[in-house]
């Protein structure tokens, strides 16, 4: 009884710590969501959400959502909810989206905790939650990534419910199946790639049926369990998932079978006729080296998580060789599913030579299972540490590492997603070798820096003057923060000021005097160039001399 009370007490403590950590994350979201900039894709996604909402409010007569750029190939689950909130929110359009995005990311943290807890217990769940919260590429994108974060959240919850049904297959509770269908449906309602989670479920059901039949040495049981799982699990989950998907995807409603398949084909054969940065070289996005994606993922992980992930892979190989492990169907299949959700998407992208151009952004959904895999190994390691007489220095070293890593995230704020680990020399070592601020998150700070510079220069006359500004990349990322007397010019060579990030060496595309630099830990993210002297010289050259002839050839009034 004493052992049971101690065990329950430990579980309550770890669960309480997890709840406190989630509450801390929620407070951080509320306090910092306004610090994050408008990213490249947010403008078109905002309008897609407005059009999808209008599709319903007009009783399906407003069909702009069916033809809006190429976004009709996506579901509008996040964008439509954001558009609905913006009708009532006292905040700005993108501030509202960022707050919502942050809380969606928090739901993903909750799912990661539950997945870690069901696979490894309360302490493993807490560690998984901590690892994902301290993964800069997840936390930094939680606020302004309207596609990849919601998709990752749906994925981690779907995986959690798949693990939950293992003990009761082939007759799991209906409540869990409905929840799994909702999770997969919301992932599909963001990106058609959510079909992947239905494939995971089908594979898991097939393996479970085969395991049960082989264990009972009855081939008929394989068929019976397989067919039962098909009609009792896979089909109901798929039915719920597709229903939820259709609610948030107007274009798919027009042809619920063919249009999702067309979207899948569109993304499978997506073209991107540009080059992308990898290891200091610009390589074609359509012909990437096989190591592109694994490198970006591994370098984006905190060092401790990366080391634990490598140990987890080795431990999995060793564990498969143990004879007794094959008697534990639920444990083995749960661990297999976790590893498969990490390895398969990456391997598949390599095999089909997927077109990638923003590092690992499209694969953020592998970060929650990576955090769980690392947490399972950390949990085992901590259990072994209790038997060591000199464990205090190890605990101290781990604590210092955690403090240093958290301090790094604070120094990167609000650009945590540009993080690279020490294996490449951190953010400073990665600049000009790997992509940093590819989404122009830093433009909000750049605009504020330009405004402060001009206010200091002109004082009380600042409000009376107009300044022309050009932007490299997404105009909305800077324009949203313009004061009233900033005017955006699309002719970049005519503008008095030029805001540019380091993506594709855009900061070197025009001459000018740097007056503000957005930097993090020694790495340049974006720069503001003062081009007033250059623009004035251009005007002087083009101005004709009094009484002279214009120095350009005559042009006809007729084509």
Protein backbone atom coordinates (compact mmCIF):
# COMPACT_ATOMS: atom_id res chain seq x y z
CA UNK A 1 0.00 0.00 0.00
CA UNK A 2 2.87 2.37 0.79
CA UNK A 3 4.31 1.73 -2.69
CA UNK A 4 0.94 2.42 -4.31
CA UNK A 5 0.52 5.68 -2.37
CA UNK A 6 4.06 6.74 -3.33
CA UNK A 7 3.37 5.92 -6.98
CA UNK A 8 0.09 7.82 -7.01
CA UNK A 9 1.76 10.73 -5.26
CA UNK A 10 4.51 10.83 -7.90
CA UNK A 11 1.91 10.72 -10.69
CA UNK A 12 0.00 13.60 -9.14
CA UNK A 13 3.19 15.63 -8.78
CA UNK A 14 4.18 15.17 -12.42
CA UNK A 15 0.66 15.87 -13.60
CA UNK A 16 0.60 19.02 -11.47
CA UNK A 17 3.94 20.11 -12.92
CA UNK A 18 2.61 19.52 -16.44
CA UNK A 19 -0.50 21.57 -15.69
CA UNK A 20 1.68 24.38 -14.31
CA UNK A 21 3.87 24.28 -17.42
CA UNK A 22 0.83 24.46 -19.69
CA UNK A 23 -0.48 27.39 -17.68
CA UNK A 24 2.90 29.10 -18.01
CA UNK A 25 2.79 28.58 -21.78
CA UNK A 26 -0.72 30.07 -21.90
CA UNK A 27 0.44 33.14 -19.98
CA UNK A 28 3.42 33.55 -22.32
CA UNK A 29 1.08 33.42 -25.31
CA UNK A 30 -1.13 36.15 -23.90
CA UNK A 31 1.83 38.34 -22.97
CA UNK A 32 3.83 37.99 -26.20
CA UNK A 33 1.49 37.23 -29.14
CA UNK A 34 1.55 40.87 -30.27
CA UNK A 35 5.36 40.74 -30.66
CA UNK A 36 5.24 38.44 -33.67
CA UNK A 37 5.21 39.82 -37.19
CA UNK A 38 2.97 39.13 -40.16
CA UNK A 39 4.50 36.30 -42.17
CA UNK A 40 4.62 35.80 -45.92
CA UNK A 41 1.54 33.60 -46.32
CA UNK A 42 -0.70 35.22 -43.75
CA UNK A 43 -2.23 37.84 -46.04
CA UNK A 44 -3.57 35.36 -48.59
CA UNK A 45 -4.70 33.02 -45.82
CA UNK A 46 -6.53 35.83 -44.09
CA UNK A 47 -8.49 36.58 -47.24
CA UNK A 48 -9.13 32.90 -47.85
CA UNK A 49 -10.71 32.67 -44.41
CA UNK A 50 -12.87 35.72 -45.13
CA UNK A 51 -14.02 34.24 -48.44
CA UNK A 52 -14.72 30.82 -46.89
CA UNK A 53 -16.80 32.45 -44.15
CA UNK A 54 -18.66 34.56 -46.72
CA UNK A 55 -19.37 31.36 -48.65
CA UNK A 56 -21.52 30.23 -45.72
CA UNK A 57 -22.92 33.62 -44.73
CA UNK A 58 -24.15 34.17 -48.28
CA UNK A 59 -25.75 30.72 -48.29
CA UNK A 60 -23.19 29.49 -50.82
CA UNK A 61 -23.73 32.24 -53.39
CA UNK A 62 -20.37 33.95 -52.72
CA UNK A 63 -17.94 31.51 -54.35
CA UNK A 64 -14.67 33.42 -54.19
CA UNK A 65 -13.29 30.75 -51.86
CA UNK A 66 -13.56 28.23 -54.72
CA UNK A 67 -11.10 30.10 -56.93
CA UNK A 68 -8.88 32.12 -54.56
CA UNK A 69 -5.33 31.77 -55.95
CA UNK A 70 -4.27 28.16 -55.29
CA UNK A 71 -5.56 28.18 -51.72
CA UNK A 72 -8.75 26.36 -52.65
CA UNK A 73 -6.49 23.29 -52.59
CA UNK A 74 -6.32 23.75 -48.80
CA UNK A 75 -8.99 23.44 -46.19
CA UNK A 76 -9.90 26.64 -44.36
CA UNK A 77 -10.32 25.26 -40.82
CA UNK A 78 -7.98 27.72 -39.14
CA UNK A 79 -8.53 30.62 -41.53
CA UNK A 80 -12.32 30.49 -41.36
CA UNK A 81 -12.35 30.37 -37.55
CA UNK A 82 -9.90 33.31 -37.50
CA UNK A 83 -12.12 35.26 -39.90
CA UNK A 84 -15.15 34.64 -37.68
CA UNK A 85 -13.25 35.83 -34.59
CA UNK A 86 -12.08 38.94 -36.43
CA UNK A 87 -15.70 40.03 -36.84
CA UNK A 88 -15.89 40.55 -33.07
CA UNK A 89 -12.31 40.91 -31.87
CA UNK A 90 -11.21 44.30 -30.51
CA UNK A 91 -7.67 43.43 -31.63
CA UNK A 92 -6.17 43.98 -35.06
CA UNK A 93 -6.72 41.43 -37.83
CA UNK A 94 -3.32 39.78 -37.50
CA UNK A 95 -3.09 40.21 -33.74
CA UNK A 96 -6.31 38.20 -33.48
CA UNK A 97 -4.91 35.54 -35.79
CA UNK A 98 -1.67 35.35 -33.81
CA UNK A 99 -3.48 34.94 -30.50
CA UNK A 100 -5.64 32.18 -31.97
CA UNK A 101 -2.60 30.55 -33.59
CA UNK A 102 -0.79 30.60 -30.25
CA UNK A 103 -3.62 28.82 -28.47
CA UNK A 104 -3.85 26.26 -31.28
CA UNK A 105 -0.16 25.60 -30.65
CA UNK A 106 -0.98 25.23 -26.94
CA UNK A 107 -3.48 22.49 -27.82
CA UNK A 108 -0.59 20.78 -29.61
CA UNK A 109 1.52 21.01 -26.46
CA UNK A 110 -1.33 19.39 -24.55
CA UNK A 111 -1.53 16.60 -27.12
CA UNK A 112 2.22 16.02 -26.91
CA UNK A 113 1.95 15.71 -23.12
CA UNK A 114 -0.89 13.19 -23.39
CA UNK A 115 0.98 11.13 -26.01
CA UNK A 116 4.12 11.05 -23.87
CA UNK A 117 2.09 10.11 -20.78
CA UNK A 118 0.21 7.25 -22.42
CA UNK A 119 3.46 5.79 -23.79
CA UNK A 120 5.79 6.39 -20.87
CA UNK A 121 3.91 7.62 -17.82
CA UNK A 122 3.40 11.02 -16.14
CA UNK A 123 7.09 11.95 -15.95
CA UNK A 124 7.66 11.11 -19.62
CA UNK A 125 4.60 13.20 -20.47
CA UNK A 126 5.98 16.18 -18.59
CA UNK A 127 9.36 15.86 -20.29
CA UNK A 128 7.73 15.57 -23.74
CA UNK A 129 5.75 18.73 -23.04
CA UNK A 130 8.88 20.52 -21.87
CA UNK A 131 10.90 19.41 -24.89
CA UNK A 132 8.28 20.57 -27.39
CA UNK A 133 7.79 23.89 -25.60
CA UNK A 134 11.56 24.44 -25.76
CA UNK A 135 11.80 23.46 -29.43
CA UNK A 136 12.21 26.89 -31.06
CA UNK A 137 10.95 25.80 -34.47
CA UNK A 138 7.65 24.79 -32.88
CA UNK A 139 7.30 27.58 -30.34
CA UNK A 140 8.45 30.31 -32.72
CA UNK A 141 5.94 29.28 -35.40
CA UNK A 142 3.06 28.81 -32.95
CA UNK A 143 1.94 32.40 -33.38
CA UNK A 144 1.95 33.05 -37.12
CA UNK A 145 2.03 29.81 -39.08
CA UNK A 146 -1.60 29.18 -40.10
CA UNK A 147 -0.98 25.90 -41.93
CA UNK A 148 1.82 23.84 -40.43
CA UNK A 149 1.06 24.38 -36.73
CA UNK A 150 -2.67 23.46 -36.95
CA UNK A 151 -1.73 20.46 -39.10
CA UNK A 152 0.85 19.32 -36.53
CA UNK A 153 -1.71 19.72 -33.74
CA UNK A 154 -4.23 17.51 -35.54
CA UNK A 155 -1.47 14.98 -36.18
CA UNK A 156 -0.29 14.63 -32.58
CA UNK A 157 -3.84 14.21 -31.27
CA UNK A 158 -4.62 11.62 -33.96
CA UNK A 159 -1.48 9.69 -32.97
CA UNK A 160 -2.45 9.87 -29.30
CA UNK A 161 -5.88 8.38 -29.96
CA UNK A 162 -4.36 5.64 -32.11
CA UNK A 163 -2.20 4.60 -29.17
CA UNK A 164 -5.23 4.80 -26.88
CA UNK A 165 -7.25 2.26 -28.89
CA UNK A 166 -4.52 -0.41 -28.96
CA UNK A 167 -5.57 -2.22 -25.76
CA UNK A 168 -9.21 -2.53 -26.86
CA UNK A 169 -8.82 -3.48 -30.54
CA UNK A 170 -10.79 -4.48 -32.53
CA UNK A 171 -13.63 -3.02 -30.42
CA UNK A 172 -12.40 0.32 -29.04
CA UNK A 173 -14.84 2.75 -27.37
CA UNK A 174 -16.86 4.87 -29.78
CA UNK A 175 -15.96 8.05 -27.91
CA UNK A 176 -12.28 7.64 -28.73
CA UNK A 177 -13.03 6.89 -32.38
CA UNK A 178 -15.10 10.07 -32.69
CA UNK A 179 -12.31 12.12 -31.11
CA UNK A 180 -9.76 10.55 -33.45
CA UNK A 181 -12.00 11.35 -36.42
CA UNK A 182 -12.26 14.96 -35.24
CA UNK A 183 -8.47 15.25 -34.93
CA UNK A 184 -7.83 13.78 -38.38
CA UNK A 185 -10.69 15.82 -39.85
CA UNK A 186 -9.23 19.06 -38.53
CA UNK A 187 -5.84 18.12 -40.00
CA UNK A 188 -7.56 17.42 -43.33
CA UNK A 189 -9.40 20.70 -42.91
CA UNK A 190 -6.04 22.44 -43.10
CA UNK A 191 -4.13 20.31 -45.58
CA UNK A 192 -5.15 17.26 -47.62
CA UNK A 193 -1.98 15.56 -46.40
CA UNK A 194 -4.04 14.63 -43.33
CA UNK A 195 -4.89 11.50 -45.33
CA UNK A 196 -1.52 10.31 -44.03
CA UNK A 197 -3.01 9.79 -40.57
CA UNK A 198 -5.76 7.57 -41.97
CA UNK A 199 -3.00 5.53 -43.61
CA UNK A 200 -1.22 5.30 -40.25
CA UNK A 201 -4.44 4.05 -38.69
CA UNK A 202 -4.96 1.44 -41.42
CA UNK A 203 -1.39 0.17 -41.02
CA UNK A 204 -1.75 0.01 -37.24
CA UNK A 205 -5.01 -1.94 -37.48
CA UNK A 206 -3.49 -4.39 -39.97
CA UNK A 207 -0.42 -4.99 -37.80
CA UNK A 208 -2.56 -5.46 -34.70
CA UNK A 209 -4.80 -8.00 -36.45
CA UNK A 210 -1.77 -9.91 -37.77
CA UNK A 211 -0.17 -9.88 -34.31
CA UNK A 212 -3.30 -11.24 -32.65
CA UNK A 213 -3.69 -13.97 -35.25
CA UNK A 214 -0.04 -15.02 -35.10
CA UNK A 215 -0.09 -15.05 -31.29
CA UNK A 216 -3.16 -17.32 -31.35
CA UNK A 217 -1.75 -19.32 -34.29
CA UNK A 218 -5.02 -18.89 -36.14
CA UNK A 219 -5.05 -17.47 -39.63
CA UNK A 220 -8.80 -17.02 -39.41
CA UNK A 221 -8.32 -14.63 -36.50
CA UNK A 222 -6.14 -12.40 -38.70
CA UNK A 223 -8.96 -12.10 -41.21
CA UNK A 224 -11.67 -11.73 -38.58
CA UNK A 225 -9.79 -9.07 -36.57
CA UNK A 226 -8.78 -7.28 -39.77
CA UNK A 227 -12.31 -7.11 -41.18
CA UNK A 228 -13.74 -6.12 -37.81
CA UNK A 229 -11.17 -3.33 -37.49
CA UNK A 230 -12.08 -2.15 -40.99
CA UNK A 231 -15.82 -1.71 -40.39
CA UNK A 232 -15.65 -1.03 -36.67
CA UNK A 233 -12.69 1.38 -36.57
CA UNK A 234 -11.27 2.64 -39.88
CA UNK A 235 -14.52 3.36 -41.71
CA UNK A 236 -16.19 5.23 -38.80
CA UNK A 237 -13.06 7.30 -38.18
CA UNK A 238 -12.76 8.09 -41.89
CA UNK A 239 -16.45 9.03 -41.99
CA UNK A 240 -16.11 11.50 -39.12
CA UNK A 241 -12.84 12.86 -40.53
CA UNK A 242 -14.25 13.49 -44.01
CA UNK A 243 -17.37 15.12 -42.60
CA UNK A 244 -15.27 17.56 -40.55
CA UNK A 245 -12.99 18.18 -43.54
CA UNK A 246 -15.90 19.07 -45.81
CA UNK A 247 -17.27 21.57 -43.29
CA UNK A 248 -14.08 23.61 -43.58
CA UNK A 249 -13.26 23.03 -47.26
CA UNK A 250 -15.74 24.66 -49.69
CA UNK A 251 -13.98 23.43 -52.84
CA UNK A 252 -14.02 19.83 -51.63
CA UNK A 253 -17.79 20.06 -51.12
CA UNK A 254 -18.19 20.44 -54.89
CA UNK A 255 -16.77 16.96 -55.44
CA UNK A 256 -15.92 15.22 -52.17
CA UNK A 257 -13.90 12.46 -53.83
CA UNK A 258 -12.26 13.94 -56.92
CA UNK A 259 -11.38 17.38 -55.58
CA UNK A 260 -9.39 16.16 -52.55
CA UNK A 261 -7.57 13.77 -54.89
CA UNK A 262 -6.89 16.67 -57.29
CA UNK A 263 -5.48 18.66 -54.39
CA UNK A 264 -3.31 15.71 -53.41
CA UNK A 265 -2.03 15.47 -56.99
CA UNK A 266 -1.40 19.23 -57.04
CA UNK A 267 0.83 19.08 -53.98
CA UNK A 268 2.52 15.86 -55.13
CA UNK A 269 3.59 17.56 -58.36
CA UNK A 270 4.03 21.08 -57.01
CA UNK A 271 6.47 23.19 -59.00
CA UNK A 272 8.83 25.78 -57.54
CA UNK A 273 11.18 27.00 -60.29
CA UNK A 274 13.61 28.67 -57.88
CA UNK A 275 16.68 27.78 -55.89
CA UNK A 276 16.87 27.40 -52.14
CA UNK A 277 19.76 27.76 -49.71
CA UNK A 278 21.42 24.64 -48.35
CA UNK A 279 24.84 24.42 -46.73
CA UNK A 280 25.97 27.71 -48.25
CA UNK A 281 24.88 26.84 -51.80
CA UNK A 282 21.75 27.69 -53.76
CA UNK A 283 20.31 24.44 -55.10
CA UNK A 284 17.18 23.87 -57.24
CA UNK A 285 14.15 23.21 -55.04
CA UNK A 286 13.06 20.56 -57.53
CA UNK A 287 16.36 18.70 -57.37
CA UNK A 288 17.50 18.76 -53.76
CA UNK A 289 20.21 16.53 -52.29
CA UNK A 290 18.70 13.71 -50.23
CA UNK A 291 20.16 15.09 -47.00
CA UNK A 292 18.39 18.48 -47.34
CA UNK A 293 15.37 17.67 -45.17
CA UNK A 294 17.11 15.49 -42.53
CA UNK A 295 19.79 18.15 -42.10
CA UNK A 296 17.31 20.97 -41.59
CA UNK A 297 15.34 18.89 -39.07
CA UNK A 298 18.36 17.76 -37.07
CA UNK A 299 19.94 21.22 -36.94
CA UNK A 300 16.64 22.74 -35.78
CA UNK A 301 16.43 20.46 -32.73
CA UNK A 302 17.86 21.44 -29.35
CA UNK A 303 21.12 19.58 -28.77
CA UNK A 304 19.77 17.43 -25.93
CA UNK A 305 16.69 16.41 -27.91
CA UNK A 306 18.89 15.51 -30.90
CA UNK A 307 21.17 13.32 -28.79
CA UNK A 308 18.22 11.60 -27.12
CA UNK A 309 16.58 11.03 -30.52
CA UNK A 310 19.73 9.28 -31.76
CA UNK A 311 19.74 7.11 -28.63
CA UNK A 312 16.04 6.34 -29.16
CA UNK A 313 16.76 5.06 -32.67
CA UNK A 314 19.56 2.83 -31.37
CA UNK A 315 17.42 1.63 -28.45
CA UNK A 316 14.63 0.69 -30.86
CA UNK A 317 16.99 -1.50 -32.87
CA UNK A 318 18.31 -3.19 -29.72
CA UNK A 319 14.80 -3.63 -28.32
CA UNK A 320 13.61 -5.47 -31.42
CA UNK A 321 16.28 -8.11 -30.82
CA UNK A 322 14.94 -8.95 -27.37
CA UNK A 323 12.86 -12.10 -27.32
CA UNK A 324 10.43 -11.06 -24.58
CA UNK A 325 9.40 -7.83 -26.27
CA UNK A 326 7.25 -9.64 -28.83
CA UNK A 327 4.77 -10.65 -26.13
CA UNK A 328 3.89 -6.99 -25.51
CA UNK A 329 1.69 -6.10 -28.48
CA UNK A 330 0.38 -2.78 -27.19
CA UNK A 331 3.80 -1.46 -26.15
CA UNK A 332 5.60 -2.53 -29.32
CA UNK A 333 2.90 -1.20 -31.64
CA UNK A 334 2.72 2.06 -29.71
CA UNK A 335 6.47 2.58 -30.02
CA UNK A 336 6.38 1.48 -33.65
CA UNK A 337 3.68 4.03 -34.45
CA UNK A 338 5.68 6.77 -32.75
CA UNK A 339 8.83 5.93 -34.70
CA UNK A 340 6.92 5.52 -37.95
CA UNK A 341 5.34 8.98 -37.65
CA UNK A 342 8.87 10.41 -37.42
CA UNK A 343 10.73 8.36 -40.01
CA UNK A 344 8.19 7.63 -42.73
CA UNK A 345 7.27 11.21 -43.81
CA UNK A 346 10.94 12.16 -44.06
CA UNK A 347 11.90 8.98 -45.92
CA UNK A 348 8.94 9.34 -48.29
CA UNK A 349 9.85 12.95 -49.10
CA UNK A 350 13.41 11.85 -49.89
CA UNK A 351 12.29 8.96 -52.09
CA UNK A 352 9.85 11.00 -54.19
CA UNK A 353 12.28 13.96 -54.31
CA UNK A 354 9.68 16.29 -52.85
CA UNK A 355 9.90 19.97 -53.76
CA UNK A 356 10.96 21.82 -50.58
CA UNK A 357 12.06 25.42 -50.16
CA UNK A 358 11.65 26.60 -46.57
CA UNK A 359 13.86 24.20 -44.68
CA UNK A 360 11.75 21.85 -42.56
CA UNK A 361 8.68 24.12 -42.31
CA UNK A 362 6.33 21.68 -44.06
CA UNK A 363 7.44 18.95 -41.62
CA UNK A 364 6.75 20.67 -38.32
CA UNK A 365 4.30 17.82 -37.66
CA UNK A 366 7.23 15.47 -36.91
CA UNK A 367 8.40 17.68 -34.01
CA UNK A 368 5.79 16.50 -31.43
CA UNK A 369 6.58 12.78 -31.92
CA UNK A 370 10.32 13.62 -31.85
CA UNK A 371 9.79 15.34 -28.50
CA UNK A 372 7.96 12.27 -27.20
CA UNK A 373 10.64 9.85 -28.43
CA UNK A 374 13.36 11.93 -26.76
CA UNK A 375 11.27 12.15 -23.57
CA UNK A 376 10.89 8.37 -23.35
CA UNK A 377 14.67 7.96 -23.40
CA UNK A 378 15.12 10.82 -20.92
CA UNK A 379 12.62 9.18 -18.58
CA UNK A 380 14.53 5.87 -18.68
CA UNK A 381 17.82 7.69 -18.14
CA UNK A 382 16.46 9.52 -15.10
CA UNK A 383 15.32 6.22 -13.61
CA UNK A 384 18.84 4.87 -13.94
CA UNK A 385 20.38 8.03 -12.55
CA UNK A 386 18.65 7.47 -9.22
CA UNK A 387 20.94 4.49 -8.63
CA UNK A 388 24.15 6.49 -9.18
CA UNK A 389 25.89 7.86 -6.09
CA UNK A 390 27.24 10.94 -7.89
CA UNK A 391 24.11 12.03 -9.75
CA UNK A 392 24.01 15.59 -8.39
CA UNK A 393 26.58 16.95 -10.88
CA UNK A 394 24.61 15.41 -13.75
CA UNK A 395 21.40 17.05 -12.56
CA UNK A 396 23.28 20.35 -12.24
CA UNK A 397 24.66 20.08 -15.78
CA UNK A 398 21.20 19.31 -17.18
CA UNK A 399 19.73 22.24 -15.29
CA UNK A 400 22.40 24.62 -16.57
CA UNK A 401 21.86 23.40 -20.12
CA UNK A 402 18.12 24.00 -19.76
CA UNK A 403 18.67 27.53 -18.45
CA UNK A 404 21.13 28.29 -21.27
CA UNK A 405 18.72 26.97 -23.91
CA UNK A 406 15.79 28.95 -22.47
CA UNK A 407 18.01 32.05 -22.44
CA UNK A 408 18.78 31.45 -26.13
CA UNK A 409 15.06 31.43 -26.92
CA UNK A 410 14.61 34.65 -24.97
CA UNK A 411 17.45 36.31 -26.90
CA UNK A 412 15.92 35.18 -30.19
CA UNK A 413 12.44 36.48 -29.30
CA UNK A 414 10.25 36.96 -31.30
CA UNK A 415 12.26 35.18 -33.99
CA UNK A 416 12.73 31.84 -32.24
CA UNK A 417 12.04 29.92 -35.43
CA UNK A 418 15.42 30.97 -36.91
CA UNK A 419 17.17 28.85 -34.24
CA UNK A 420 19.97 26.44 -35.15
CA UNK A 421 21.76 24.26 -32.63
CA UNK A 422 25.42 24.31 -31.65
CA UNK A 423 26.33 21.56 -34.12
CA UNK A 424 26.32 24.21 -36.84
CA UNK A 425 27.49 27.04 -34.60
CA UNK A 426 24.09 28.40 -33.62
CA UNK A 427 22.26 31.10 -35.53
CA UNK A 428 25.47 32.99 -36.25
CA UNK A 429 27.11 29.88 -37.69
CA UNK A 430 24.07 29.13 -39.84
CA UNK A 431 23.71 32.53 -41.50
CA UNK A 432 24.40 32.54 -45.25
CA UNK A 433 24.53 28.71 -45.01
CA UNK A 434 20.94 27.90 -44.07
CA UNK A 435 17.70 29.84 -44.21
CA UNK A 436 16.96 32.16 -41.32
CA UNK A 437 14.00 34.57 -41.49
CA UNK A 438 12.45 33.22 -44.68
CA UNK A 439 8.97 34.42 -43.64
CA UNK A 440 9.89 38.07 -42.91
CA UNK A 441 8.82 37.90 -39.27
CA UNK A 442 11.53 40.49 -38.52
CA UNK A 443 9.97 43.15 -40.78
CA UNK A 444 7.75 44.41 -37.95
CA UNK A 445 10.85 45.37 -35.98
CA UNK A 446 12.52 46.78 -39.11
CA UNK A 447 9.59 49.15 -39.72
CA UNK A 448 9.62 50.29 -36.11
CA UNK A 449 13.37 50.86 -36.37
CA UNK A 450 12.91 52.98 -39.51
CA UNK A 451 10.13 55.00 -37.90
CA UNK A 452 12.22 55.68 -34.78
CA UNK A 453 15.17 56.73 -36.96
CA UNK A 454 13.09 59.22 -38.93
CA UNK A 455 11.40 60.61 -35.82
CA UNK A 456 14.79 61.32 -34.33
CA UNK A 457 15.94 62.92 -37.57
CA UNK A 458 12.91 65.14 -38.23
CA UNK A 459 11.48 65.63 -34.75
CA UNK A 460 8.17 67.48 -34.77
CA UNK A 461 8.23 67.69 -38.60
CA UNK A 462 8.06 63.90 -38.99
CA UNK A 463 4.25 63.80 -39.20
CA UNK A 464 4.24 66.43 -41.95
CA UNK A 465 6.47 64.47 -44.30
CA UNK A 466 5.80 61.46 -46.53
CA UNK A 467 8.36 58.70 -47.01
CA UNK A 468 8.42 56.08 -49.73
CA UNK A 469 9.39 52.54 -48.72
CA UNK A 470 9.98 49.41 -50.79
CA UNK A 471 10.05 45.87 -49.45
CA UNK A 472 11.81 42.73 -50.61
CA UNK A 473 9.42 39.81 -50.49
CA UNK A 474 5.97 40.05 -48.86
CA UNK A 475 4.76 43.69 -48.72
CA UNK A 476 2.15 42.96 -46.03
CA UNK A 477 4.85 41.92 -43.56
CA UNK A 478 6.08 45.53 -43.49
CA UNK A 479 3.07 47.53 -44.69
CA UNK A 480 0.86 46.35 -41.82
CA UNK A 481 3.13 48.26 -39.43
CA UNK A 482 3.55 51.43 -41.51
CA UNK A 483 2.63 54.74 -39.90
CA UNK A 484 0.24 56.89 -41.94
CA UNK A 485 3.01 58.82 -43.70
CA UNK A 486 4.83 55.75 -45.07
CA UNK A 487 3.89 54.93 -48.66
CA UNK A 488 4.69 51.56 -50.21
CA UNK A 489 6.37 51.63 -53.65
CA UNK A 490 6.47 48.54 -55.80
CA UNK A 491 9.25 50.04 -57.92
CA UNK A 492 11.96 49.22 -55.42
CA UNK A 493 14.61 51.32 -57.19
CA UNK A 494 12.47 54.46 -56.81
CA UNK A 495 11.84 54.23 -53.06
CA UNK A 496 13.71 56.30 -50.51
CA UNK A 497 14.02 53.34 -48.12
CA UNK A 498 14.38 49.64 -48.76
CA UNK A 499 13.58 46.90 -46.23
CA UNK A 500 15.16 43.54 -47.04
CA UNK A 501 15.74 40.23 -45.31
CA UNK A 502 18.73 37.99 -45.97
CA UNK A 503 16.67 35.38 -47.81
CA UNK A 504 18.21 34.76 -51.24
CA UNK A 505 20.71 37.57 -50.45
CA UNK A 506 17.97 40.14 -50.95
CA UNK A 507 19.78 42.52 -48.60
CA UNK A 508 22.51 42.75 -51.26
CA UNK A 509 20.15 43.38 -54.18
CA UNK A 510 20.23 47.21 -53.97
CA UNK A 511 22.83 49.76 -52.83
CA UNK A 512 22.05 51.93 -49.85
CA UNK A 513 23.22 53.04 -46.43
CA UNK A 514 22.18 50.69 -43.61
CA UNK A 515 20.36 52.63 -40.91
CA UNK A 516 18.75 49.77 -38.96
CA UNK A 517 19.64 46.10 -38.64
CA UNK A 518 17.47 43.38 -37.11
CA UNK A 519 19.95 40.96 -35.58
CA UNK A 520 19.73 38.00 -33.27
CA UNK A 521 22.76 36.49 -31.55
CA UNK A 522 25.16 37.84 -34.16
CA UNK A 523 23.06 36.89 -37.19
CA UNK A 524 21.49 39.46 -39.50
CA UNK A 525 17.81 38.83 -40.19
CA UNK A 526 16.85 42.00 -42.08
CA UNK A 527 18.14 45.48 -42.78
CA UNK A 528 16.74 48.94 -43.61
CA UNK A 529 18.64 50.84 -46.31
CA UNK A 530 18.51 54.62 -46.73
CA UNK A 531 18.52 55.30 -50.48
CA UNK A 532 17.50 58.96 -50.49
CA UNK A 533 20.80 60.20 -51.89
CA UNK A 534 20.74 57.58 -54.65
CA UNK A 535 17.14 58.36 -55.60
CA UNK A 536 17.90 62.10 -55.59
CA UNK A 537 20.88 61.55 -57.90
CA UNK A 538 18.69 59.53 -60.26
CA UNK A 539 16.19 62.38 -60.41
CA UNK A 540 18.95 64.92 -61.16
CA UNK A 541 20.28 62.78 -63.99
CA UNK A 542 16.83 62.49 -65.56
CA UNK A 543 15.98 66.20 -65.15
CA UNK A 544 16.60 67.99 -68.55
CA UNK A 545 18.85 71.06 -68.68
CA UNK A 546 16.93 74.31 -69.24
CA UNK A 547 16.68 75.02 -72.99
CA UNK A 548 18.27 71.73 -73.89
CA UNK A 549 16.90 68.70 -75.63
CA UNK A 550 15.78 65.65 -73.71
CA UNK A 551 18.46 62.95 -73.73
CA UNK A 552 16.10 60.11 -74.63
CA UNK A 553 14.90 59.03 -78.06
CA UNK A 554 11.57 60.28 -79.37
CA UNK A 555 8.66 57.91 -78.96
CA UNK A 556 5.67 57.50 -81.20
CA UNK A 557 2.15 58.11 -80.05
CA UNK A 558 1.15 55.00 -81.99
CA UNK A 559 2.02 51.42 -81.27
